[in-house]
């Protein structure tokens, strides 16, 4: 049996189907967890363990990059919406200026009030977009880098 999920700092990362977890004995194997394995058996398992470790790190990298790039995309989209609303605000301000110059009536005051409302909406959307955008920066897989460094330090410690 294989574990459907493997816990990681980023979240749950799915394991490849059909492969047992590297720390478990495959089904039908003669060596159980209670039996001692020979040095040759342990050395023979090293390539498989390293391959599983590298695949796990790559899976973690993919998951982390998806989260960061998704946050960048949402933040950028919200900033674009705020820019469009600002363009509408400019149109409303121009309308207010025209009405103020052509008529000395309360019509321009209503247009100015609408421009203020659009400015407040744009500011709120821009703030939300900025926070989402900032959550994705820098788009560097920090948890994966830390995990790989820890794995390298562990291997170095075993070699010494």
Protein backbone atom coordinates (compact mmCIF):
# COMPACT_ATOMS: atom_id res chain seq x y z
CA UNK A 1 0.00 0.00 0.00
CA UNK A 2 1.17 3.53 -0.59
CA UNK A 3 0.41 6.61 1.45
CA UNK A 4 -2.06 8.85 -0.41
CA UNK A 5 -0.64 11.96 1.21
CA UNK A 6 2.69 12.85 2.70
CA UNK A 7 2.76 15.77 5.15
CA UNK A 8 5.03 18.65 4.21
CA UNK A 9 5.50 22.26 5.37
CA UNK A 10 3.53 23.49 2.35
CA UNK A 11 0.61 21.14 2.89
CA UNK A 12 -0.39 17.71 1.74
CA UNK A 13 1.60 16.55 -1.28
CA UNK A 14 0.27 13.48 -3.09
CA UNK A 15 2.68 10.59 -3.36
CA UNK A 16 3.09 8.73 -6.62
CA UNK A 17 0.60 5.89 -6.86
CA UNK A 18 1.82 2.31 -6.75
CA UNK A 19 5.09 2.96 -4.92
CA UNK A 20 5.42 2.07 -1.24
CA UNK A 21 6.72 4.65 1.17
CA UNK A 22 10.54 4.32 1.31
CA UNK A 23 10.55 3.51 5.02
CA UNK A 24 8.13 0.60 4.66
CA UNK A 25 8.89 -2.90 3.52
CA UNK A 26 7.18 -3.74 0.23
CA UNK A 27 4.40 -6.35 0.44
CA UNK A 28 5.64 -9.89 -0.05
CA UNK A 29 9.16 -9.02 1.02
CA UNK A 30 10.99 -11.50 3.22
CA UNK A 31 12.55 -8.82 5.37
CA UNK A 32 10.20 -7.33 7.94
CA UNK A 33 10.73 -4.34 10.17
CA UNK A 34 11.71 -6.66 13.04
CA UNK A 35 14.49 -8.40 11.06
CA UNK A 36 17.90 -6.88 10.63
CA UNK A 37 18.88 -6.25 7.05
CA UNK A 38 22.36 -6.82 5.73
CA UNK A 39 24.63 -4.00 4.65
CA UNK A 40 24.28 -5.08 1.01
CA UNK A 41 20.49 -4.91 1.22
CA UNK A 42 20.68 -1.45 2.75
CA UNK A 43 23.14 -0.27 0.07
CA UNK A 44 20.92 -1.75 -2.64
CA UNK A 45 17.99 0.36 -1.33
CA UNK A 46 19.95 3.64 -1.48
CA UNK A 47 19.22 4.43 -5.17
CA UNK A 48 15.50 3.84 -4.67
CA UNK A 49 15.46 5.96 -1.52
CA UNK A 50 17.37 8.78 -3.22
CA UNK A 51 15.04 8.60 -6.23
CA UNK A 52 11.99 8.77 -3.94
CA UNK A 53 13.55 11.66 -2.02
CA UNK A 54 14.23 13.63 -5.21
CA UNK A 55 10.70 12.95 -6.51
CA UNK A 56 9.25 14.09 -3.19
CA UNK A 57 11.30 17.30 -3.29
CA UNK A 58 10.16 17.95 -6.87
CA UNK A 59 6.52 17.37 -5.87
CA UNK A 60 6.95 19.78 -2.97
CA UNK A 61 8.56 22.33 -5.30
CA UNK A 62 5.63 22.07 -7.74
CA UNK A 63 3.04 22.48 -4.97
CA UNK A 64 4.83 25.47 -3.46
CA UNK A 65 5.30 27.22 -6.81
CA UNK A 66 1.63 26.69 -7.71
CA UNK A 67 0.55 28.37 -4.46
CA UNK A 68 2.91 31.33 -4.94
CA UNK A 69 2.13 31.86 -8.62
CA UNK A 70 -1.61 31.59 -7.96
CA UNK A 71 -1.31 34.37 -5.34
CA UNK A 72 0.64 36.49 -7.84
CA UNK A 73 -2.03 35.93 -10.50
CA UNK A 74 -4.91 36.84 -8.20
CA UNK A 75 -3.07 39.92 -6.92
CA UNK A 76 -2.24 41.05 -10.45
CA UNK A 77 -5.83 40.53 -11.58
CA UNK A 78 -7.21 42.57 -8.69
CA UNK A 79 -4.71 45.35 -9.44
CA UNK A 80 -5.87 45.35 -13.07
CA UNK A 81 -9.51 45.64 -11.92
CA UNK A 82 -8.51 48.59 -9.72
CA UNK A 83 -6.83 50.23 -12.73
CA UNK A 84 -10.00 49.84 -14.82
CA UNK A 85 -12.09 51.37 -12.05
CA UNK A 86 -9.63 54.27 -11.90
CA UNK A 87 -10.17 54.80 -15.64
CA UNK A 88 -13.93 55.01 -15.01
CA UNK A 89 -13.22 57.50 -12.21
CA UNK A 90 -11.33 59.70 -14.64
CA UNK A 91 -14.35 59.65 -16.96
CA UNK A 92 -16.62 60.63 -14.09
CA UNK A 93 -14.27 63.43 -13.05
CA UNK A 94 -14.21 64.74 -16.61
CA UNK A 95 -18.00 64.65 -16.69
CA UNK A 96 -18.09 66.54 -13.38
CA UNK A 97 -15.74 69.19 -14.74
CA UNK A 98 -17.86 69.64 -17.86
CA UNK A 99 -21.05 69.87 -15.85
CA UNK A 100 -19.45 72.30 -13.40
CA UNK A 101 -18.31 74.59 -16.16
CA UNK A 102 -21.47 74.45 -18.28
CA UNK A 103 -24.06 74.57 -15.54
CA UNK A 104 -23.85 76.09 -12.17
CA UNK A 105 -26.22 73.53 -10.73
CA UNK A 106 -26.07 70.59 -8.30
CA UNK A 107 -25.48 68.11 -11.18
CA UNK A 108 -21.71 68.41 -10.92
CA UNK A 109 -21.85 67.73 -7.20
CA UNK A 110 -23.52 64.38 -7.88
CA UNK A 111 -20.84 63.51 -10.44
CA UNK A 112 -18.10 64.48 -7.98
CA UNK A 113 -19.70 62.33 -5.30
CA UNK A 114 -19.78 59.35 -7.72
CA UNK A 115 -16.08 59.87 -8.49
CA UNK A 116 -15.30 59.78 -4.77
CA UNK A 117 -17.24 56.53 -4.37
CA UNK A 118 -15.35 54.96 -7.31
CA UNK A 119 -12.04 56.13 -5.82
CA UNK A 120 -12.86 54.45 -2.50
CA UNK A 121 -13.84 51.20 -4.26
CA UNK A 122 -10.64 51.26 -6.33
CA UNK A 123 -8.54 51.87 -3.21
CA UNK A 124 -10.12 48.92 -1.42
CA UNK A 125 -9.62 46.57 -4.40
CA UNK A 126 -6.05 47.80 -4.88
CA UNK A 127 -5.27 47.16 -1.20
CA UNK A 128 -6.66 43.63 -1.39
CA UNK A 129 -4.73 43.01 -4.62
CA UNK A 130 -1.53 44.36 -3.10
CA UNK A 131 -1.84 42.01 -0.13
CA UNK A 132 -2.44 39.02 -2.43
CA UNK A 133 0.44 40.10 -4.65
CA UNK A 134 2.75 40.52 -1.66
CA UNK A 135 1.81 37.04 -0.35
CA UNK A 136 3.31 35.48 -3.48
CA UNK A 137 6.58 37.43 -3.39
CA UNK A 138 9.29 36.38 -3.83
CA UNK A 139 8.29 33.47 -6.08
CA UNK A 140 11.05 31.31 -4.61
CA UNK A 141 10.30 27.85 -3.16
CA UNK A 142 11.66 28.63 0.31
CA UNK A 143 10.33 25.53 2.10
CA UNK A 144 11.69 23.24 -0.63
CA UNK A 145 15.12 24.87 -0.49
CA UNK A 146 15.19 24.46 3.30
CA UNK A 147 14.10 20.83 2.99
CA UNK A 148 16.76 20.05 0.36
CA UNK A 149 19.46 21.69 2.51
CA UNK A 150 18.30 19.62 5.49
CA UNK A 151 18.44 16.46 3.36
CA UNK A 152 21.97 17.30 2.18
CA UNK A 153 23.07 17.97 5.77
CA UNK A 154 21.56 14.64 6.81
CA UNK A 155 23.39 12.76 4.06
CA UNK A 156 26.64 14.55 4.92
CA UNK A 157 26.15 13.56 8.57
CA UNK A 158 25.71 9.88 7.58
CA UNK A 159 28.85 9.91 5.42
CA UNK A 160 31.09 11.29 8.18
